Amino acid sequence: MHRAFVVALALLVAVAAVFVARREPGLPEPAFRIEGVVTRVVDGDTLWLADAAGDEQKIRLADIDTPERAQPARPAQPYAREATDSLRELAPSGVRAEAECQAYDRFGRAICFVFVDGENLNRTQLRRGWATVGARADWLRDPESEVAEAEARAARRGLWQAAEPVHPSIWRERCWERGECREAVPR
């Protein structure tokens, strides 16, 4: 019994060491982790992962907000398709992914930093210019997110190439709530 306990403890320490060694500087300690296979990408900041048991979890990438896709009676924001395509390229269906999660949001989505082959997809979406940092300061968990956004903005990558880029939170309020959709992408 004692030997089995020691072996189990050693295995647990080894697994924890792998996670700690892989951590990127600046990221908060996760509250929980989800590992699995990407089953689909919803939009530029949301995807689904199926764990080893086949249970699916909806994941919202932490710290970022991407242009809004069209929804029933709601037009798409410019660059929504490109943001979605970028995440699909980074996390195609069937690829293994690891999510370091902070919490669940009011919609039941896990709020996570997602990694594929060690690449932080949240930061990559920001660096590519297909995402902005979240609108509220209390949503920002990784200080490198602001740096990644600033790099894309300075290089005019992605949505920053627009003459007047619109943050997704402003788009939702202006277009979807008030009906002021001048820049809307036709369905």
C-alpha atoms as a PDB file:
ATOM      1  CA  MET A   1       0.000   0.000   0.000  1.00  0.00           C
ATOM      2  CA  HIS A   2       2.783   2.432   0.935  1.00  0.00           C
ATOM      3  CA  ARG A   3       4.664   1.717  -2.316  1.00  0.00           C
ATOM      4  CA  ALA A   4       1.550   2.363  -4.437  1.00  0.00           C
ATOM      5  CA  PHE A   5       0.996   5.658  -2.637  1.00  0.00           C
ATOM      6  CA  VAL A   6       4.603   6.760  -3.249  1.00  0.00           C
ATOM      7  CA  VAL A   7       4.386   5.822  -6.940  1.00  0.00           C
ATOM      8  CA  ALA A   8       1.078   7.678  -7.330  1.00  0.00           C
ATOM      9  CA  LEU A   9       2.494  10.741  -5.567  1.00  0.00           C
ATOM     10  CA  ALA A  10       5.617  10.709  -7.744  1.00  0.00           C
ATOM     11  CA  LEU A  11       3.458  10.486 -10.876  1.00  0.00           C
ATOM     12  CA  LEU A  12       1.312  13.391  -9.698  1.00  0.00           C
ATOM     13  CA  VAL A  13       4.410  15.530  -9.027  1.00  0.00           C
ATOM     14  CA  ALA A  14       5.821  14.688 -12.471  1.00  0.00           C
ATOM     15  CA  VAL A  15       2.575  15.682 -14.232  1.00  0.00           C
ATOM     16  CA  ALA A  16       2.413  18.928 -12.237  1.00  0.00           C
ATOM     17  CA  ALA A  17       6.033  19.692 -13.148  1.00  0.00           C
ATOM     18  CA  VAL A  18       5.228  19.337 -16.850  1.00  0.00           C
ATOM     19  CA  PHE A  19       2.358  21.838 -16.535  1.00  0.00           C
ATOM     20  CA  VAL A  20       4.467  24.294 -14.527  1.00  0.00           C
ATOM     21  CA  ALA A  21       7.377  24.015 -16.984  1.00  0.00           C
ATOM     22  CA  ARG A  22       5.064  24.786 -19.927  1.00  0.00           C
ATOM     23  CA  ARG A  23       3.480  27.871 -18.377  1.00  0.00           C
ATOM     24  CA  GLU A  24       4.020  31.125 -20.174  1.00  0.00           C
ATOM     25  CA  PRO A  25       5.231  34.125 -18.215  1.00  0.00           C
ATOM     26  CA  GLY A  26       2.462  36.522 -17.258  1.00  0.00           C
ATOM     27  CA  LEU A  27      -0.395  34.034 -17.369  1.00  0.00           C
ATOM     28  CA  PRO A  28      -2.416  33.619 -14.196  1.00  0.00           C
ATOM     29  CA  GLU A  29      -2.508  30.262 -12.476  1.00  0.00           C
ATOM     30  CA  PRO A  30      -5.482  28.361 -13.912  1.00  0.00           C
ATOM     31  CA  ALA A  31      -8.430  27.451 -11.699  1.00  0.00           C
ATOM     32  CA  PHE A  32      -8.911  24.283 -13.803  1.00  0.00           C
ATOM     33  CA  ARG A  33      -7.724  22.677 -17.036  1.00  0.00           C
ATOM     34  CA  ILE A  34      -9.495  21.024 -19.931  1.00  0.00           C
ATOM     35  CA  GLU A  35      -7.623  18.829 -22.399  1.00  0.00           C
ATOM     36  CA  GLY A  36      -9.211  17.413 -25.481  1.00  0.00           C
ATOM     37  CA  VAL A  37      -9.808  17.560 -29.184  1.00  0.00           C
ATOM     38  CA  VAL A  38     -11.244  20.566 -30.983  1.00  0.00           C
ATOM     39  CA  THR A  39     -14.627  19.600 -32.414  1.00  0.00           C
ATOM     40  CA  ARG A  40     -15.585  22.955 -33.939  1.00  0.00           C
ATOM     41  CA  VAL A  41     -14.822  26.657 -34.003  1.00  0.00           C
ATOM     42  CA  VAL A  42     -17.847  28.890 -33.418  1.00  0.00           C
ATOM     43  CA  ASP A  43     -16.234  32.244 -34.135  1.00  0.00           C
ATOM     44  CA  GLY A  44     -12.927  34.043 -33.622  1.00  0.00           C
ATOM     45  CA  ASP A  45     -12.940  33.639 -29.839  1.00  0.00           C
ATOM     46  CA  THR A  46     -15.043  30.536 -29.149  1.00  0.00           C
ATOM     47  CA  LEU A  47     -14.513  26.824 -29.788  1.00  0.00           C
ATOM     48  CA  TRP A  48     -15.618  23.427 -28.506  1.00  0.00           C
ATOM     49  CA  LEU A  49     -13.319  20.782 -26.989  1.00  0.00           C
ATOM     50  CA  ALA A  50     -14.226  17.123 -26.436  1.00  0.00           C
ATOM     51  CA  ASP A  51     -12.398  15.555 -23.486  1.00  0.00           C
ATOM     52  CA  ALA A  52     -11.239  11.930 -23.237  1.00  0.00           C
ATOM     53  CA  ALA A  53     -14.731  10.839 -22.140  1.00  0.00           C
ATOM     54  CA  GLY A  54     -16.240  12.548 -25.196  1.00  0.00           C
ATOM     55  CA  ASP A  55     -17.905  15.282 -23.154  1.00  0.00           C
ATOM     56  CA  GLU A  56     -17.850  18.606 -24.985  1.00  0.00           C
ATOM     57  CA  GLN A  57     -17.027  21.923 -23.358  1.00  0.00           C
ATOM     58  CA  LYS A  58     -17.654  25.311 -24.927  1.00  0.00           C
ATOM     59  CA  ILE A  59     -14.525  27.430 -24.509  1.00  0.00           C
ATOM     60  CA  ARG A  60     -14.373  31.240 -24.701  1.00  0.00           C
ATOM     61  CA  LEU A  61     -10.809  32.466 -25.222  1.00  0.00           C
ATOM     62  CA  ALA A  62      -9.855  34.664 -22.260  1.00  0.00           C
ATOM     63  CA  ASP A  63      -8.832  38.312 -22.646  1.00  0.00           C
ATOM     64  CA  ILE A  64      -9.999  38.705 -26.237  1.00  0.00           C
ATOM     65  CA  ASP A  65     -13.035  39.844 -28.174  1.00  0.00           C
ATOM     66  CA  THR A  66     -13.362  39.307 -31.920  1.00  0.00           C
ATOM     67  CA  PRO A  67     -15.646  40.805 -34.572  1.00  0.00           C
ATOM     68  CA  GLU A  68     -19.189  39.476 -34.335  1.00  0.00           C
ATOM     69  CA  ARG A  69     -20.560  36.898 -36.785  1.00  0.00           C
ATOM     70  CA  ALA A  70     -24.027  37.348 -38.221  1.00  0.00           C
ATOM     71  CA  GLN A  71     -26.829  35.945 -36.104  1.00  0.00           C
ATOM     72  CA  PRO A  72     -30.570  35.784 -36.739  1.00  0.00           C
ATOM     73  CA  ALA A  73     -31.739  39.367 -37.377  1.00  0.00           C
ATOM     74  CA  ARG A  74     -28.233  40.656 -36.522  1.00  0.00           C
ATOM     75  CA  PRO A  75     -25.699  41.520 -39.248  1.00  0.00           C
ATOM     76  CA  ALA A  76     -22.038  40.557 -39.125  1.00  0.00           C
ATOM     77  CA  GLN A  77     -19.329  42.959 -38.109  1.00  0.00           C
ATOM     78  CA  PRO A  78     -16.535  43.581 -40.641  1.00  0.00           C
ATOM     79  CA  TYR A  79     -13.691  41.033 -40.265  1.00  0.00           C
ATOM     80  CA  ALA A  80     -15.834  38.474 -38.417  1.00  0.00           C
ATOM     81  CA  ARG A  81     -15.230  35.850 -41.113  1.00  0.00           C
ATOM     82  CA  GLU A  82     -11.468  36.471 -41.126  1.00  0.00           C
ATOM     83  CA  ALA A  83     -11.290  36.207 -37.323  1.00  0.00           C
ATOM     84  CA  THR A  84     -13.204  32.918 -37.415  1.00  0.00           C
ATOM     85  CA  ASP A  85     -11.065  31.567 -40.264  1.00  0.00           C
ATOM     86  CA  SER A  86      -7.916  32.480 -38.321  1.00  0.00           C
ATOM     87  CA  LEU A  87      -9.029  30.486 -35.265  1.00  0.00           C
ATOM     88  CA  ARG A  88     -10.042  27.565 -37.514  1.00  0.00           C
ATOM     89  CA  GLU A  89      -6.537  27.600 -38.996  1.00  0.00           C
ATOM     90  CA  LEU A  90      -4.963  27.634 -35.527  1.00  0.00           C
ATOM     91  CA  ALA A  91      -7.339  25.023 -34.084  1.00  0.00           C
ATOM     92  CA  PRO A  92      -8.758  22.826 -36.848  1.00  0.00           C
ATOM     93  CA  SER A  93     -11.281  20.134 -35.958  1.00  0.00           C
ATOM     94  CA  GLY A  94      -9.519  17.057 -34.622  1.00  0.00           C
ATOM     95  CA  VAL A  95      -6.430  18.794 -33.244  1.00  0.00           C
ATOM     96  CA  ARG A  96      -5.471  18.264 -29.583  1.00  0.00           C
ATOM     97  CA  ALA A  97      -5.722  21.366 -27.420  1.00  0.00           C
ATOM     98  CA  GLU A  98      -5.127  22.283 -23.805  1.00  0.00           C
ATOM     99  CA  ALA A  99      -7.147  24.950 -22.032  1.00  0.00           C
ATOM    100  CA  GLU A 100      -6.007  26.720 -18.870  1.00  0.00           C
ATOM    101  CA  CYS A 101      -9.254  28.064 -17.494  1.00  0.00           C
ATOM    102  CA  GLN A 102     -10.120  30.824 -15.057  1.00  0.00           C
ATOM    103  CA  ALA A 103     -13.882  30.514 -14.572  1.00  0.00           C
ATOM    104  CA  TYR A 104     -17.209  29.956 -16.280  1.00  0.00           C
ATOM    105  CA  ASP A 105     -19.110  32.936 -17.668  1.00  0.00           C
ATOM    106  CA  ARG A 106     -22.837  33.649 -17.397  1.00  0.00           C
ATOM    107  CA  PHE A 107     -23.415  31.620 -20.594  1.00  0.00           C
ATOM    108  CA  GLY A 108     -21.735  28.508 -19.142  1.00  0.00           C
ATOM    109  CA  ARG A 109     -18.608  28.834 -21.297  1.00  0.00           C
ATOM    110  CA  ALA A 110     -15.225  28.071 -19.737  1.00  0.00           C
ATOM    111  CA  ILE A 111     -13.010  31.195 -19.947  1.00  0.00           C
ATOM    112  CA  CYS A 112      -9.572  29.880 -20.918  1.00  0.00           C
ATOM    113  CA  PHE A 113      -6.185  30.399 -22.475  1.00  0.00           C
ATOM    114  CA  VAL A 114      -6.055  27.759 -25.209  1.00  0.00           C
ATOM    115  CA  PHE A 115      -2.869  26.087 -26.450  1.00  0.00           C
ATOM    116  CA  VAL A 116      -2.226  23.933 -29.515  1.00  0.00           C
ATOM    117  CA  ASP A 117       1.295  22.498 -29.729  1.00  0.00           C
ATOM    118  CA  GLY A 118       2.342  24.998 -27.051  1.00  0.00           C
ATOM    119  CA  GLU A 119       1.077  28.034 -28.987  1.00  0.00           C
ATOM    120  CA  ASN A 120      -1.126  30.443 -27.020  1.00  0.00           C
ATOM    121  CA  LEU A 121      -4.074  30.942 -29.395  1.00  0.00           C
ATOM    122  CA  ASN A 122      -5.409  33.936 -27.453  1.00  0.00           C
ATOM    123  CA  ARG A 123      -2.183  35.894 -27.974  1.00  0.00           C
ATOM    124  CA  THR A 124      -1.887  34.709 -31.577  1.00  0.00           C
ATOM    125  CA  GLN A 125      -5.365  36.009 -32.445  1.00  0.00           C
ATOM    126  CA  LEU A 126      -4.337  39.366 -30.943  1.00  0.00           C
ATOM    127  CA  ARG A 127      -0.985  39.439 -32.760  1.00  0.00           C
ATOM    128  CA  ARG A 128      -2.651  38.595 -36.067  1.00  0.00           C
ATOM    129  CA  GLY A 129      -5.005  41.516 -35.521  1.00  0.00           C
ATOM    130  CA  TRP A 130      -8.212  39.481 -35.540  1.00  0.00           C
ATOM    131  CA  ALA A 131      -8.954  40.197 -31.877  1.00  0.00           C
ATOM    132  CA  THR A 132      -9.010  43.091 -29.454  1.00  0.00           C
ATOM    133  CA  VAL A 133      -8.472  42.927 -25.715  1.00  0.00           C
ATOM    134  CA  GLY A 134     -11.693  42.728 -23.738  1.00  0.00           C
ATOM    135  CA  ALA A 135     -13.588  45.954 -23.161  1.00  0.00           C
ATOM    136  CA  ARG A 136     -13.473  45.741 -19.367  1.00  0.00           C
ATOM    137  CA  ALA A 137     -10.202  46.008 -17.449  1.00  0.00           C
ATOM    138  CA  ASP A 138     -11.361  43.363 -14.952  1.00  0.00           C
ATOM    139  CA  TRP A 139     -11.530  40.842 -17.834  1.00  0.00           C
ATOM    140  CA  LEU A 140      -7.824  41.251 -18.615  1.00  0.00           C
ATOM    141  CA  ARG A 141      -5.808  38.418 -17.055  1.00  0.00           C
ATOM    142  CA  ASP A 142      -2.623  38.370 -19.162  1.00  0.00           C
ATOM    143  CA  PRO A 143      -0.616  41.622 -19.375  1.00  0.00           C
ATOM    144  CA  GLU A 144       0.943  40.357 -22.628  1.00  0.00           C
ATOM    145  CA  SER A 145      -2.493  40.588 -24.277  1.00  0.00           C
ATOM    146  CA  GLU A 146      -2.220  44.385 -24.426  1.00  0.00           C
ATOM    147  CA  VAL A 147       1.287  44.122 -25.883  1.00  0.00           C
ATOM    148  CA  ALA A 148       0.110  41.688 -28.575  1.00  0.00           C
ATOM    149  CA  GLU A 149      -2.803  43.964 -29.514  1.00  0.00           C
ATOM    150  CA  ALA A 150      -0.502  47.004 -29.659  1.00  0.00           C
ATOM    151  CA  GLU A 151       1.840  45.150 -32.059  1.00  0.00           C
ATOM    152  CA  ALA A 152      -1.042  44.333 -34.424  1.00  0.00           C
ATOM    153  CA  ARG A 153      -2.463  47.840 -34.190  1.00  0.00           C
ATOM    154  CA  ALA A 154       0.921  49.437 -34.984  1.00  0.00           C
ATOM    155  CA  ALA A 155       1.413  47.105 -37.966  1.00  0.00           C
ATOM    156  CA  ARG A 156      -2.225  47.640 -39.115  1.00  0.00           C
ATOM    157  CA  ARG A 157      -2.817  43.887 -39.207  1.00  0.00           C
ATOM    158  CA  GLY A 158      -6.250  42.313 -39.315  1.00  0.00           C
ATOM    159  CA  LEU A 159      -9.110  44.524 -38.211  1.00  0.00           C
ATOM    160  CA  TRP A 160      -6.629  47.336 -37.513  1.00  0.00           C
ATOM    161  CA  GLN A 161      -6.324  47.906 -41.267  1.00  0.00           C
ATOM    162  CA  ALA A 162      -9.782  49.514 -41.207  1.00  0.00           C
ATOM    163  CA  ALA A 163      -9.929  53.297 -41.343  1.00  0.00           C
ATOM    164  CA  GLU A 164     -11.940  53.299 -38.104  1.00  0.00           C
ATOM    165  CA  PRO A 165     -11.788  49.904 -36.344  1.00  0.00           C
ATOM    166  CA  VAL A 166     -14.765  49.254 -34.080  1.00  0.00           C
ATOM    167  CA  HIS A 167     -14.334  47.252 -30.872  1.00  0.00           C
ATOM    168  CA  PRO A 168     -16.801  44.315 -30.816  1.00  0.00           C
ATOM    169  CA  SER A 169     -18.402  45.551 -27.577  1.00  0.00           C
ATOM    170  CA  ILE A 170     -19.146  48.907 -29.223  1.00  0.00           C
ATOM    171  CA  TRP A 171     -20.450  47.086 -32.340  1.00  0.00           C
ATOM    172  CA  ARG A 172     -22.850  45.005 -30.257  1.00  0.00           C
ATOM    173  CA  GLU A 173     -24.185  48.084 -28.508  1.00  0.00           C
ATOM    174  CA  ARG A 174     -24.305  50.373 -31.554  1.00  0.00           C
ATOM    175  CA  CYS A 175     -25.496  47.919 -34.202  1.00  0.00           C
ATOM    176  CA  TRP A 176     -27.322  45.136 -32.421  1.00  0.00           C
ATOM    177  CA  GLU A 177     -28.937  47.177 -29.651  1.00  0.00           C
ATOM    178  CA  ARG A 178     -29.494  50.561 -31.344  1.00  0.00           C
ATOM    179  CA  GLY A 179     -29.742  49.401 -34.979  1.00  0.00           C
ATOM    180  CA  GLU A 180     -26.940  51.684 -36.225  1.00  0.00           C
ATOM    181  CA  CYS A 181     -25.182  49.254 -38.571  1.00  0.00           C
ATOM    182  CA  ARG A 182     -23.500  51.362 -41.265  1.00  0.00           C
ATOM    183  CA  GLU A 183     -20.490  49.045 -41.556  1.00  0.00           C
ATOM    184  CA  ALA A 184     -22.463  45.788 -41.461  1.00  0.00           C
ATOM    185  CA  VAL A 185     -21.346  42.946 -43.705  1.00  0.00           C
ATOM    186  CA  PRO A 186     -24.221  41.680 -45.899  1.00  0.00           C
ATOM    187  CA  ARG A 187     -25.399  38.161 -45.141  1.00  0.00           C
END
